[in-house]
Amino acid sequence: MNIQVLKSKIHRATITEANLDYMGSITNDENLMEAANMIEGEKVSIYNITNGERFSTYIIKGKRGSGVIGLNGAAARKVMINDLIIIISYASMDFEEAKNFKPTIIFPNENNQLK
């Protein structure tokens, strides 16, 4: 039996952009993606701490070291610049394997830089 488990988490990232006139996705600083073990095109869940919105999208790579966290397309309506969000990805794995799996969790600072 396979189950869904937390794979990666970027906890309390700050929205820096909201681009309504863009194909839907979330733009993530490449440094944060690597640190969180996330890749371009990966499906992620977005949990907006500031307003309670919850939705899913996919990642596009942002400029390394820029601190960019931007919601694009329709998802841009669910955030405002400076909102705090949680970005989560899940993985499907065997139940027994999942018992020993350790997710990658990072905590960027207020400028979306690694501490």
N, C-alpha and C. Protein backbone atom coordinates (compact mmCIF):
# COMPACT_ATOMS: atom_id res chain seq x y z
N MET A 1 0.84 -1.18 0.00
CA MET A 1 0.00 0.00 0.00
C MET A 1 0.89 1.25 0.00
N ASN A 2 0.57 2.22 -0.87
CA ASN A 2 1.27 3.50 -0.89
C ASN A 2 0.42 4.55 -0.19
N ILE A 3 1.11 5.48 0.47
CA ILE A 3 0.44 6.61 1.11
C ILE A 3 1.15 7.89 0.70
N GLN A 4 0.46 9.02 0.86
CA GLN A 4 1.05 10.33 0.60
C GLN A 4 1.66 10.86 1.89
N VAL A 5 2.92 11.29 1.81
CA VAL A 5 3.59 11.85 2.99
C VAL A 5 4.26 13.18 2.63
N LEU A 6 4.48 13.99 3.64
CA LEU A 6 5.19 15.24 3.46
C LEU A 6 6.59 14.95 2.95
N LYS A 7 6.96 15.54 1.80
CA LYS A 7 8.31 15.38 1.23
C LYS A 7 9.16 16.59 1.52
N SER A 8 8.60 17.79 1.25
CA SER A 8 9.37 19.03 1.36
C SER A 8 8.47 20.15 1.85
N LYS A 9 9.09 21.09 2.60
CA LYS A 9 8.30 22.21 3.12
C LYS A 9 9.18 23.45 3.20
N ILE A 10 8.66 24.56 2.66
CA ILE A 10 9.26 25.88 2.85
C ILE A 10 8.29 26.60 3.78
N HIS A 11 8.72 26.82 5.02
CA HIS A 11 7.82 27.34 6.06
C HIS A 11 7.99 28.84 6.24
N ARG A 12 6.90 29.59 6.05
CA ARG A 12 6.82 31.03 6.26
C ARG A 12 7.66 31.82 5.25
N ALA A 13 7.46 31.53 3.98
CA ALA A 13 8.05 32.35 2.92
C ALA A 13 7.18 33.58 2.72
N THR A 14 7.78 34.66 2.25
CA THR A 14 7.08 35.91 2.05
C THR A 14 6.81 36.14 0.57
N ILE A 15 5.56 36.44 0.22
CA ILE A 15 5.21 36.72 -1.17
C ILE A 15 5.87 38.03 -1.61
N THR A 16 6.60 37.95 -2.73
CA THR A 16 7.26 39.15 -3.27
C THR A 16 6.62 39.63 -4.56
N GLU A 17 5.83 38.77 -5.21
CA GLU A 17 5.19 39.12 -6.48
C GLU A 17 3.84 38.44 -6.59
N ALA A 18 2.92 39.10 -7.29
CA ALA A 18 1.64 38.51 -7.66
C ALA A 18 1.35 38.99 -9.08
N ASN A 19 1.49 38.08 -10.05
CA ASN A 19 1.40 38.42 -11.47
C ASN A 19 0.17 37.77 -12.09
N LEU A 20 -0.92 38.51 -12.16
CA LEU A 20 -2.17 37.99 -12.70
C LEU A 20 -2.06 37.64 -14.18
N ASP A 21 -1.38 38.45 -14.95
CA ASP A 21 -1.28 38.24 -16.40
C ASP A 21 -0.08 37.37 -16.76
N TYR A 22 -0.07 36.15 -16.23
CA TYR A 22 1.02 35.21 -16.44
C TYR A 22 0.44 33.82 -16.35
N MET A 23 1.04 32.87 -17.03
CA MET A 23 0.59 31.49 -16.94
C MET A 23 0.72 31.02 -15.48
N GLY A 24 -0.24 30.30 -14.98
CA GLY A 24 -0.30 29.91 -13.58
C GLY A 24 0.89 29.12 -13.08
N SER A 25 1.33 29.40 -11.88
CA SER A 25 2.43 28.70 -11.24
C SER A 25 2.89 29.50 -10.02
N ILE A 26 3.91 28.98 -9.34
CA ILE A 26 4.59 29.74 -8.29
C ILE A 26 6.06 29.82 -8.67
N THR A 27 6.60 31.02 -8.66
CA THR A 27 8.02 31.23 -8.94
C THR A 27 8.76 31.18 -7.62
N ASN A 28 9.75 30.28 -7.52
CA ASN A 28 10.55 30.11 -6.29
C ASN A 28 12.01 30.37 -6.58
N ASP A 29 12.66 31.12 -5.70
CA ASP A 29 14.11 31.30 -5.75
C ASP A 29 14.77 29.91 -5.83
N GLU A 30 15.68 29.75 -6.79
CA GLU A 30 16.33 28.45 -6.99
C GLU A 30 17.07 27.96 -5.75
N ASN A 31 17.62 28.86 -4.95
CA ASN A 31 18.29 28.45 -3.71
C ASN A 31 17.31 27.77 -2.76
N LEU A 32 16.12 28.33 -2.63
CA LEU A 32 15.11 27.74 -1.75
C LEU A 32 14.65 26.39 -2.28
N MET A 33 14.48 26.31 -3.60
CA MET A 33 14.07 25.04 -4.21
C MET A 33 15.06 23.94 -3.89
N GLU A 34 16.34 24.23 -4.10
CA GLU A 34 17.38 23.22 -3.83
C GLU A 34 17.41 22.84 -2.36
N ALA A 35 17.37 23.83 -1.48
CA ALA A 35 17.44 23.55 -0.05
C ALA A 35 16.25 22.71 0.42
N ALA A 36 15.09 22.92 -0.22
CA ALA A 36 13.88 22.20 0.17
C ALA A 36 13.69 20.90 -0.61
N ASN A 37 14.62 20.58 -1.50
CA ASN A 37 14.53 19.35 -2.30
C ASN A 37 13.29 19.36 -3.19
N MET A 38 13.08 20.51 -3.86
CA MET A 38 11.96 20.67 -4.80
C MET A 38 12.53 20.93 -6.19
N ILE A 39 11.75 20.57 -7.22
CA ILE A 39 12.20 20.77 -8.60
C ILE A 39 11.17 21.53 -9.41
N GLU A 40 11.64 22.10 -10.51
CA GLU A 40 10.76 22.82 -11.42
C GLU A 40 9.70 21.86 -11.97
N GLY A 41 8.47 22.32 -12.01
CA GLY A 41 7.36 21.51 -12.50
C GLY A 41 6.68 20.67 -11.43
N GLU A 42 7.26 20.61 -10.24
CA GLU A 42 6.69 19.80 -9.17
C GLU A 42 5.39 20.43 -8.66
N LYS A 43 4.40 19.59 -8.42
CA LYS A 43 3.14 20.05 -7.85
C LYS A 43 3.36 20.39 -6.38
N VAL A 44 2.82 21.55 -5.96
CA VAL A 44 2.94 21.97 -4.57
C VAL A 44 1.59 22.48 -4.07
N SER A 45 1.42 22.37 -2.77
CA SER A 45 0.28 22.96 -2.09
C SER A 45 0.76 24.25 -1.46
N ILE A 46 -0.07 25.29 -1.56
CA ILE A 46 0.24 26.58 -0.98
C ILE A 46 -0.77 26.85 0.12
N TYR A 47 -0.27 27.16 1.31
CA TYR A 47 -1.11 27.49 2.45
C TYR A 47 -0.77 28.92 2.86
N ASN A 48 -1.72 29.83 2.67
CA ASN A 48 -1.50 31.23 2.98
C ASN A 48 -1.79 31.46 4.46
N ILE A 49 -0.75 31.72 5.22
CA ILE A 49 -0.88 31.94 6.66
C ILE A 49 -1.67 33.23 6.92
N THR A 50 -1.45 34.22 6.09
CA THR A 50 -2.05 35.55 6.30
C THR A 50 -3.57 35.55 6.13
N ASN A 51 -4.08 34.87 5.09
CA ASN A 51 -5.52 34.96 4.83
C ASN A 51 -6.26 33.61 4.84
N GLY A 52 -5.55 32.51 5.05
CA GLY A 52 -6.19 31.20 5.16
C GLY A 52 -6.44 30.48 3.85
N GLU A 53 -6.12 31.09 2.71
CA GLU A 53 -6.32 30.43 1.40
C GLU A 53 -5.45 29.17 1.30
N ARG A 54 -5.98 28.17 0.61
CA ARG A 54 -5.24 26.93 0.34
C ARG A 54 -5.50 26.55 -1.11
N PHE A 55 -4.43 26.25 -1.85
CA PHE A 55 -4.57 25.87 -3.25
C PHE A 55 -3.32 25.15 -3.71
N SER A 56 -3.37 24.58 -4.91
CA SER A 56 -2.19 23.89 -5.45
C SER A 56 -1.82 24.48 -6.80
N THR A 57 -0.54 24.33 -7.14
CA THR A 57 -0.01 24.80 -8.41
C THR A 57 1.28 24.02 -8.67
N TYR A 58 2.12 24.54 -9.56
CA TYR A 58 3.40 23.89 -9.82
C TYR A 58 4.50 24.94 -9.78
N ILE A 59 5.73 24.48 -9.58
CA ILE A 59 6.88 25.38 -9.41
C ILE A 59 7.52 25.74 -10.74
N ILE A 60 7.89 27.03 -10.86
CA ILE A 60 8.83 27.44 -11.90
C ILE A 60 10.03 28.06 -11.19
N LYS A 61 11.18 27.89 -11.79
CA LYS A 61 12.43 28.31 -11.19
C LYS A 61 12.58 29.83 -11.27
N GLY A 62 12.87 30.44 -10.12
CA GLY A 62 13.16 31.86 -10.05
C GLY A 62 14.65 32.09 -9.95
N LYS A 63 15.06 33.32 -10.12
CA LYS A 63 16.48 33.68 -10.10
C LYS A 63 17.12 33.29 -8.77
N ARG A 64 18.24 32.60 -8.87
CA ARG A 64 18.98 32.14 -7.69
C ARG A 64 19.40 33.34 -6.82
N GLY A 65 19.10 33.26 -5.52
CA GLY A 65 19.50 34.29 -4.58
C GLY A 65 18.63 35.53 -4.57
N SER A 66 17.59 35.56 -5.41
CA SER A 66 16.74 36.75 -5.53
C SER A 66 15.73 36.88 -4.39
N GLY A 67 15.42 35.77 -3.75
CA GLY A 67 14.38 35.78 -2.72
C GLY A 67 12.97 35.80 -3.28
N VAL A 68 12.84 35.62 -4.59
CA VAL A 68 11.52 35.70 -5.23
C VAL A 68 10.62 34.54 -4.80
N ILE A 69 9.43 34.89 -4.41
CA ILE A 69 8.32 33.95 -4.21
C ILE A 69 7.12 34.65 -4.83
N GLY A 70 6.73 34.23 -6.03
CA GLY A 70 5.67 34.91 -6.75
C GLY A 70 4.58 33.98 -7.21
N LEU A 71 3.34 34.39 -7.01
CA LEU A 71 2.21 33.63 -7.52
C LEU A 71 1.78 34.23 -8.83
N ASN A 72 1.50 33.35 -9.78
CA ASN A 72 1.21 33.76 -11.15
C ASN A 72 -0.16 33.26 -11.58
N GLY A 73 -0.77 33.98 -12.54
CA GLY A 73 -2.07 33.58 -13.07
C GLY A 73 -3.16 33.75 -12.02
N ALA A 74 -4.17 32.89 -12.09
CA ALA A 74 -5.32 33.00 -11.20
C ALA A 74 -4.93 32.95 -9.73
N ALA A 75 -3.88 32.21 -9.40
CA ALA A 75 -3.43 32.10 -8.00
C ALA A 75 -2.99 33.44 -7.44
N ALA A 76 -2.61 34.38 -8.31
CA ALA A 76 -2.20 35.70 -7.85
C ALA A 76 -3.32 36.40 -7.09
N ARG A 77 -4.57 36.02 -7.36
CA ARG A 77 -5.71 36.62 -6.65
C ARG A 77 -5.85 36.10 -5.21
N LYS A 78 -5.13 35.05 -4.89
CA LYS A 78 -5.25 34.43 -3.57
C LYS A 78 -4.19 34.93 -2.59
N VAL A 79 -3.32 35.82 -3.04
CA VAL A 79 -2.25 36.36 -2.19
C VAL A 79 -2.11 37.85 -2.40
N MET A 80 -1.42 38.47 -1.45
CA MET A 80 -0.99 39.86 -1.60
C MET A 80 0.50 39.89 -1.27
N ILE A 81 1.20 40.83 -1.85
CA ILE A 81 2.62 40.98 -1.54
C ILE A 81 2.77 41.14 -0.03
N ASN A 82 3.75 40.46 0.51
CA ASN A 82 4.09 40.40 1.95
C ASN A 82 3.28 39.37 2.73
N ASP A 83 2.30 38.68 2.10
CA ASP A 83 1.65 37.57 2.78
C ASP A 83 2.69 36.51 3.12
N LEU A 84 2.46 35.81 4.22
CA LEU A 84 3.30 34.68 4.59
C LEU A 84 2.62 33.40 4.13
N ILE A 85 3.40 32.51 3.51
CA ILE A 85 2.84 31.25 3.01
C ILE A 85 3.72 30.08 3.41
N ILE A 86 3.13 28.90 3.30
CA ILE A 86 3.85 27.64 3.45
C ILE A 86 3.73 26.94 2.10
N ILE A 87 4.84 26.42 1.60
CA ILE A 87 4.88 25.69 0.33
C ILE A 87 5.22 24.25 0.66
N ILE A 88 4.35 23.32 0.26
CA ILE A 88 4.53 21.91 0.62
C ILE A 88 4.42 21.02 -0.61
N SER A 89 5.30 20.02 -0.66
CA SER A 89 5.14 18.96 -1.66
C SER A 89 5.04 17.63 -0.93
N TYR A 90 4.34 16.72 -1.54
CA TYR A 90 4.11 15.40 -0.96
C TYR A 90 4.69 14.35 -1.89
N ALA A 91 4.96 13.17 -1.35
CA ALA A 91 5.44 12.05 -2.14
C ALA A 91 4.61 10.82 -1.81
N SER A 92 4.46 9.97 -2.81
CA SER A 92 3.77 8.71 -2.62
C SER A 92 4.82 7.64 -2.37
N MET A 93 4.64 6.89 -1.28
CA MET A 93 5.60 5.82 -1.00
C MET A 93 4.94 4.70 -0.22
N ASP A 94 5.64 3.60 -0.22
CA ASP A 94 5.19 2.42 0.50
C ASP A 94 5.03 2.75 1.99
N PHE A 95 4.01 2.21 2.60
CA PHE A 95 3.70 2.47 3.99
C PHE A 95 4.90 2.21 4.90
N GLU A 96 5.57 1.10 4.71
CA GLU A 96 6.73 0.76 5.56
C GLU A 96 7.88 1.72 5.33
N GLU A 97 8.13 2.09 4.06
CA GLU A 97 9.19 3.06 3.75
C GLU A 97 8.88 4.41 4.40
N ALA A 98 7.61 4.78 4.39
CA ALA A 98 7.19 6.08 4.92
C ALA A 98 7.47 6.20 6.42
N LYS A 99 7.47 5.08 7.12
CA LYS A 99 7.71 5.11 8.57
C LYS A 99 9.09 5.67 8.91
N ASN A 100 10.06 5.50 8.01
CA ASN A 100 11.42 5.95 8.27
C ASN A 100 11.83 7.17 7.45
N PHE A 101 10.93 7.64 6.60
CA PHE A 101 11.26 8.77 5.73
C PHE A 101 11.31 10.07 6.54
N LYS A 102 12.29 10.91 6.25
CA LYS A 102 12.43 12.21 6.91
C LYS A 102 12.27 13.31 5.86
N PRO A 103 11.25 14.17 5.98
CA PRO A 103 11.05 15.24 5.01
C PRO A 103 12.11 16.33 5.15
N THR A 104 12.26 17.12 4.10
CA THR A 104 13.15 18.28 4.13
C THR A 104 12.30 19.51 4.44
N ILE A 105 12.65 20.22 5.51
CA ILE A 105 11.90 21.40 5.93
C ILE A 105 12.88 22.54 6.10
N ILE A 106 12.58 23.68 5.45
CA ILE A 106 13.46 24.85 5.60
C ILE A 106 12.66 26.03 6.12
N PHE A 107 13.36 26.96 6.74
CA PHE A 107 12.76 28.12 7.38
C PHE A 107 13.49 29.38 6.89
N PRO A 108 13.08 29.93 5.75
CA PRO A 108 13.76 31.14 5.26
C PRO A 108 13.47 32.33 6.16
N ASN A 109 14.34 33.34 6.08
CA ASN A 109 14.10 34.55 6.86
C ASN A 109 13.07 35.44 6.16
N GLU A 110 12.84 36.64 6.66
CA GLU A 110 11.80 37.52 6.11
C GLU A 110 12.09 37.99 4.70
N ASN A 111 13.34 37.82 4.23
CA ASN A 111 13.72 38.17 2.86
C ASN A 111 13.83 36.94 1.96
N ASN A 112 13.28 35.82 2.42
CA ASN A 112 13.31 34.55 1.69
C ASN A 112 14.73 34.08 1.42
N GLN A 113 15.61 34.33 2.37
CA GLN A 113 16.98 33.84 2.29
C GLN A 113 17.16 32.77 3.35
N LEU A 114 18.07 31.85 3.10
CA LEU A 114 18.32 30.79 4.08
C LEU A 114 19.06 31.37 5.28
N LYS A 115 18.65 30.94 6.45
CA LYS A 115 19.26 31.45 7.69
C LYS A 115 20.63 30.85 7.91
